[in-house]
Protein backbone atom coordinates (compact mmCIF):
# COMPACT_ATOMS: atom_id res chain seq x y z
CA MET A 1 -23.54 5.07 0.75
CA GLU A 2 -20.32 5.06 2.60
CA SER A 3 -18.24 8.15 2.65
CA GLY A 4 -15.57 10.08 4.40
CA ASP A 5 -12.49 8.73 5.77
CA PRO A 6 -12.32 4.94 6.94
CA LEU A 7 -9.80 5.73 9.62
CA VAL A 8 -9.80 7.67 12.75
CA THR A 9 -6.81 9.01 14.69
CA ALA A 10 -5.91 8.23 18.25
CA ASP A 11 -6.81 11.72 19.29
CA TRP A 12 -10.32 11.24 17.88
CA LEU A 13 -10.73 8.07 19.78
CA LYS A 14 -9.35 9.49 23.08
CA GLN A 15 -12.14 12.11 22.81
CA HIS A 16 -14.96 9.82 21.91
CA ILE A 17 -14.03 6.50 23.88
CA SER A 18 -16.42 7.07 26.60
CA ALA A 19 -19.43 7.53 24.26
CA PRO A 20 -22.06 4.90 24.94
CA ASP A 21 -22.28 3.81 21.36
CA ILE A 22 -18.49 3.39 20.88
CA ARG A 23 -17.13 -0.24 20.71
CA VAL A 24 -13.39 -0.81 20.46
CA VAL A 25 -12.16 -3.97 18.89
CA ASP A 26 -8.68 -5.43 19.08
CA ALA A 27 -8.16 -7.56 15.98
CA THR A 28 -4.31 -8.67 16.68
CA TRP A 29 -3.56 -11.78 14.85
CA PHE A 30 -0.39 -13.42 13.77
CA ALA A 31 -0.12 -15.62 10.69
CA SER A 32 1.40 -19.04 11.34
CA PHE A 33 4.34 -18.33 9.37
CA GLN A 34 5.27 -15.13 11.26
CA ASN A 35 6.54 -17.44 13.93
CA SER A 36 5.18 -15.09 16.72
CA ASP A 37 5.92 -16.20 20.37
CA LYS A 38 2.40 -15.25 21.24
CA SER A 39 -1.06 -15.43 19.79
CA GLY A 40 -3.30 -12.38 19.15
CA ARG A 41 -5.39 -13.10 22.08
CA GLU A 42 -2.29 -13.28 24.29
CA ALA A 43 -1.13 -9.95 23.02
CA TRP A 44 -4.54 -8.48 23.52
CA SER A 45 -4.52 -10.10 27.02
CA ALA A 46 -1.16 -8.40 27.89
CA GLY A 47 -2.30 -4.92 27.10
CA HIS A 48 -5.24 -3.36 25.14
CA ILE A 49 -7.11 -0.06 24.75
CA PRO A 50 -9.70 0.19 27.59
CA GLY A 51 -12.71 -1.71 26.92
CA ALA A 52 -11.54 -3.33 23.85
CA VAL A 53 -12.80 -6.94 23.10
CA HIS A 54 -10.67 -9.25 21.12
CA PHE A 55 -11.92 -10.35 17.60
CA ASP A 56 -9.97 -13.51 16.37
CA ILE A 57 -10.35 -14.10 12.79
CA ASP A 58 -9.30 -17.68 13.18
CA ALA A 59 -12.30 -18.21 15.57
CA ILE A 60 -14.89 -16.26 13.88
CA LYS A 61 -14.78 -18.08 10.54
CA ALA A 62 -16.43 -20.42 8.18
CA THR A 63 -16.52 -23.98 9.63
CA ASP A 64 -17.27 -25.89 6.33
CA THR A 65 -13.89 -25.37 4.71
CA ASP A 66 -10.19 -26.00 5.30
CA LEU A 67 -9.24 -22.76 3.99
CA PRO A 68 -8.07 -20.29 6.72
CA HIS A 69 -10.36 -17.77 8.29
CA MET A 70 -12.93 -17.57 5.61
CA LEU A 71 -15.99 -15.50 6.12
CA PRO A 72 -18.52 -17.31 8.14
CA ASP A 73 -22.43 -17.33 7.23
CA PRO A 74 -24.34 -14.39 8.79
CA ILE A 75 -25.93 -16.49 11.52
CA LEU A 76 -22.61 -17.69 12.94
CA PHE A 77 -21.07 -14.21 12.42
CA SER A 78 -23.97 -12.52 14.18
CA SER A 79 -23.95 -15.02 17.09
CA ARG A 80 -20.25 -14.34 17.56
CA VAL A 81 -20.11 -10.66 17.27
CA ARG A 82 -23.27 -10.36 19.66
CA LYS A 83 -21.08 -11.97 22.39
CA LEU A 84 -18.63 -9.28 21.88
CA GLY A 85 -21.16 -6.54 22.64
CA ILE A 86 -21.13 -5.49 18.98
CA GLY A 87 -24.60 -4.82 17.51
CA ASP A 88 -27.05 -2.36 15.80
CA GLY A 89 -26.40 1.19 16.54
CA ASN A 90 -22.71 0.78 17.49
CA ARG A 91 -19.82 2.86 16.23
CA VAL A 92 -17.09 0.18 15.96
CA ILE A 93 -13.41 1.27 15.89
CA VAL A 94 -10.89 -1.73 14.96
CA TYR A 95 -7.20 -1.74 15.64
CA ASP A 96 -4.42 -4.39 15.83
CA GLN A 97 -0.97 -4.29 17.33
CA ASN A 98 1.07 -5.33 14.33
CA GLY A 99 0.79 -3.01 11.33
CA TYR A 100 -2.76 -3.22 9.73
CA CYS A 101 -2.51 -6.98 9.82
CA ALA A 102 -6.07 -8.08 10.57
CA ALA A 103 -7.78 -4.71 11.54
CA PRO A 104 -8.86 -4.15 8.08
CA ARG A 105 -9.99 -7.59 7.65
CA VAL A 106 -12.39 -7.22 10.64
CA TRP A 107 -13.37 -3.84 8.94
CA TRP A 108 -14.17 -5.64 5.83
CA MET A 109 -16.11 -8.44 7.68
CA LEU A 110 -18.48 -6.07 9.40
CA ARG A 111 -19.24 -4.17 6.36
CA VAL A 112 -19.92 -7.35 4.37
CA MET A 113 -22.40 -8.23 7.07
CA GLY A 114 -24.13 -4.83 6.63
CA HIS A 115 -22.49 -2.92 9.53
CA ASN A 116 -21.27 0.33 7.85
CA ASP A 117 -20.42 2.33 11.04
CA VAL A 118 -16.97 0.76 11.49
CA LYS A 119 -13.58 2.47 11.18
CA VAL A 120 -9.93 1.63 11.68
CA LEU A 121 -7.64 3.24 14.19
CA ASP A 122 -4.79 4.89 12.12
CA GLY A 123 -1.56 3.64 13.42
CA GLY A 124 -3.02 0.96 15.69
CA LEU A 125 -2.17 0.40 19.22
CA LYS A 126 1.28 2.25 18.91
CA ALA A 127 -0.53 5.50 17.79
CA TRP A 128 -2.74 5.26 20.97
CA THR A 129 0.07 4.76 23.35
CA ASP A 130 2.05 7.61 21.57
CA ALA A 131 -0.86 9.93 22.04
CA GLY A 132 -0.78 9.19 25.69
CA GLY A 133 -3.74 6.68 25.68
CA ALA A 134 -3.74 4.25 28.62
CA LEU A 135 -3.88 0.46 28.36
CA GLU A 136 -5.56 -2.22 30.64
CA ASP A 137 -5.06 -5.96 31.00
CA MET A 138 -8.26 -6.79 32.37
CA PRO A 139 -10.95 -8.40 30.06
CA PRO A 140 -13.99 -6.28 29.54
CA MET A 141 -17.41 -7.87 30.23
CA PRO A 142 -19.51 -6.85 27.17
CA THR A 143 -23.24 -6.86 27.31
CA GLU A 144 -24.66 -8.86 24.45
CA ARG A 145 -26.14 -6.71 21.75
CA HIS A 146 -28.50 -7.69 18.80
CA PHE A 147 -26.64 -7.58 15.51
CA THR A 148 -28.75 -7.62 12.31
CA ALA A 149 -26.88 -9.08 9.43
CA ARG A 150 -27.44 -7.71 5.92
CA VAL A 151 -25.02 -9.44 3.68
CA ARG A 152 -23.36 -7.28 0.96
CA SER A 153 -22.38 -10.04 -1.65
CA ASP A 154 -20.93 -7.47 -3.96
CA LEU A 155 -18.03 -7.12 -1.48
CA VAL A 156 -17.01 -10.80 -1.61
CA LYS A 157 -15.78 -12.81 -4.70
CA ASP A 158 -15.22 -16.70 -4.88
CA ALA A 159 -12.78 -18.55 -7.05
CA ALA A 160 -15.19 -18.93 -9.94
CA GLN A 161 -16.03 -15.34 -10.01
CA VAL A 162 -12.31 -14.50 -9.98
CA ARG A 163 -11.57 -16.93 -12.66
CA ALA A 164 -14.32 -15.38 -14.85
CA ALA A 165 -12.90 -11.81 -14.11
CA SER A 166 -9.40 -12.85 -14.93
CA ASP A 167 -10.57 -14.44 -18.23
CA ALA A 168 -12.73 -11.47 -19.23
CA GLY A 169 -10.46 -8.76 -17.98
CA ASN A 170 -13.56 -6.77 -16.91
CA PHE A 171 -12.29 -6.28 -13.33
CA THR A 172 -9.02 -4.81 -12.05
CA ILE A 173 -7.54 -7.56 -9.83
CA VAL A 174 -4.98 -6.28 -7.34
CA ASP A 175 -2.51 -8.38 -5.34
CA ALA A 176 -1.27 -7.21 -2.04
CA ARG A 177 1.35 -9.98 -1.50
CA PRO A 178 5.19 -8.96 -1.70
CA ALA A 179 6.47 -8.48 -5.26
CA THR A 180 8.76 -11.42 -5.10
CA ARG A 181 5.93 -13.93 -4.24
CA PHE A 182 3.73 -12.15 -6.89
CA THR A 183 6.40 -12.67 -9.57
CA GLY A 184 7.15 -16.15 -8.51
CA LYS A 185 10.74 -15.42 -7.55
CA ALA A 186 10.09 -16.36 -3.90
CA PRO A 187 8.26 -19.29 -2.25
CA GLU A 188 4.91 -19.03 -0.59
CA PRO A 189 5.08 -19.36 3.09
CA ARG A 190 2.41 -21.96 2.94
CA GLU A 191 3.77 -25.36 2.23
CA GLY A 192 2.79 -26.93 -1.14
CA LEU A 193 1.65 -23.69 -2.86
CA ALA A 194 3.33 -22.37 -6.09
CA SER A 195 4.13 -18.75 -6.18
CA GLY A 196 3.04 -16.45 -8.96
CA HIS A 197 -0.16 -14.62 -9.51
CA ILE A 198 -3.69 -14.55 -11.02
CA PRO A 199 -3.35 -13.99 -14.78
CA GLY A 200 -4.03 -10.24 -15.46
CA SER A 201 -3.55 -9.21 -11.78
CA LEU A 202 -1.67 -6.19 -10.66
CA ASN A 203 0.73 -6.01 -7.54
CA VAL A 204 0.58 -3.28 -4.81
CA PRO A 205 2.31 -4.85 -1.92
CA SER A 206 0.36 -3.91 1.35
CA ALA A 207 3.61 -2.70 3.15
CA THR A 208 3.61 0.19 0.49
CA LEU A 209 0.45 1.56 1.83
CA VAL A 210 1.92 2.62 5.29
CA HIS A 211 4.17 5.29 6.31
CA ASP A 212 7.54 4.19 8.47
CA ASP A 213 5.67 5.59 11.45
CA GLY A 214 2.96 2.96 11.11
CA THR A 215 0.30 5.39 9.86
CA PHE A 216 -1.67 4.98 6.69
CA LYS A 217 -0.80 7.04 3.67
CA SER A 218 -2.98 9.93 2.75
CA ALA A 219 -5.60 9.54 0.01
CA ALA A 220 -3.49 11.58 -2.24
CA GLU A 221 -0.35 9.32 -1.80
CA LEU A 222 -2.69 6.15 -2.26
CA LYS A 223 -4.14 7.41 -5.47
CA ALA A 224 -0.63 7.68 -6.79
CA LEU A 225 -0.06 4.00 -5.71
CA LEU A 226 -3.42 2.19 -6.57
CA PRO A 227 -4.33 1.10 -10.14
CA ALA A 228 -7.31 3.37 -11.32
CA THR A 229 -8.49 1.67 -14.62
CA GLY A 230 -12.08 2.64 -14.29
CA LYS A 231 -13.08 -0.98 -13.92
CA PRO A 232 -14.39 -2.47 -10.71
CA VAL A 233 -11.68 -3.73 -8.21
CA ILE A 234 -11.22 -7.13 -6.80
CA THR A 235 -8.36 -7.41 -4.24
CA THR A 236 -6.51 -10.60 -3.30
CA CYS A 237 -3.37 -11.65 -1.28
CA GLY A 238 -2.23 -14.90 0.54
CA SER A 239 -5.53 -15.75 2.44
CA GLY A 240 -7.73 -12.66 2.22
CA VAL A 241 -6.29 -10.71 5.06
CA THR A 242 -4.05 -7.88 3.49
CA ALA A 243 -6.38 -8.00 0.52
CA SER A 244 -8.57 -6.22 2.97
CA THR A 245 -5.96 -3.66 3.67
CA LEU A 246 -5.91 -2.78 -0.10
CA ALA A 247 -9.73 -2.42 0.30
CA LEU A 248 -9.22 -0.11 3.08
CA ALA A 249 -6.70 1.86 0.97
CA TYR A 250 -9.21 2.12 -1.91
CA ALA A 251 -11.91 3.30 0.57
CA ARG A 252 -9.67 6.03 1.77
CA THR A 253 -9.51 7.23 -1.87
CA GLY A 254 -13.22 7.22 -2.19
CA ASN A 255 -13.77 3.78 -3.75
CA TRP A 256 -15.90 1.92 -1.19
CA ASP A 257 -17.03 -0.79 -3.48
CA VAL A 258 -13.96 -2.91 -3.73
CA ALA A 259 -14.49 -6.73 -3.40
CA VAL A 260 -12.16 -8.99 -1.70
CA TYR A 261 -11.40 -12.41 -2.98
CA ASP A 262 -11.87 -14.34 0.27
CA GLY A 263 -9.92 -17.48 -0.59
CA SER A 264 -7.11 -15.62 -2.32
CA TRP A 265 -4.06 -17.30 -3.26
CA THR A 266 -4.27 -20.13 -0.72
CA GLU A 267 -7.39 -21.21 -2.54
CA TRP A 268 -6.42 -20.19 -6.16
CA ALA A 269 -2.98 -22.08 -6.10
CA SER A 270 -4.35 -25.20 -4.31
CA ASP A 271 -6.13 -26.23 -7.61
CA ALA A 272 -3.74 -27.20 -10.33
CA SER A 273 -6.51 -26.37 -13.05
CA ARG A 274 -6.29 -22.78 -12.31
CA PRO A 275 -3.78 -20.82 -14.36
CA VAL A 276 -0.72 -19.27 -12.59
CA ALA A 277 1.26 -16.45 -14.22
CA THR A 278 4.89 -15.50 -13.16
CA GLY A 279 6.98 -12.44 -13.91
CA SER A 280 5.84 -8.82 -13.43
CA ALA A 281 2.18 -7.95 -14.24
């Protein structure tokens, strides 16, 4: 059973970063529609927490689908993370450089693959530097380590499962996209996709989960934001990234069993046979 806080502070990491079982992971990633002038790997290369390896969600992904950064099979996942020096017995600390964009996604991926000893750095790289933490630009040379994947299928949902949950109303489906995309008032950033939402779903934009200083809201603050219907929860978003931020928020309130719809709106809206709701929840 997972328990406690899924986040650690920069001060905690400064105190423990030299421990032999700690592995720090930089998950910085920029969506194509963000029009960043650099890639996540380039941002990592320019400066990262000492010893941090870069986990690219667009590289460690399923190869049998056109959907973006879908969860790979356990064999591929194990092979890739072993090369990053991540394996059995490690305490993994994940962060990113742009506001809980992909760090929660990597946190979720590791947990799906059975690695529960993983936490997210609260406030990301900014919190680290604000706490006086040093940066380096030299790539680490990790030692390959065995990773045993034990897949938790309960933490992942596919389109058929989400369609059934939407029809039956036996899950709480929570969407992390901005309200205007959820209601259908604003277009989707991915060309060709209708805006709107999965029928019966609720909307908690991921931006509302974070304080202005970049730190995550407290468990009490999150409980006031997150729907608590007594039903199991599925989170969704544009492509499964900020849906993981919602899952992280639920974990901070004590609900560690939230599932992420991996394909999210990119998959849902790409099939005209699936219903699309507009307006408020």
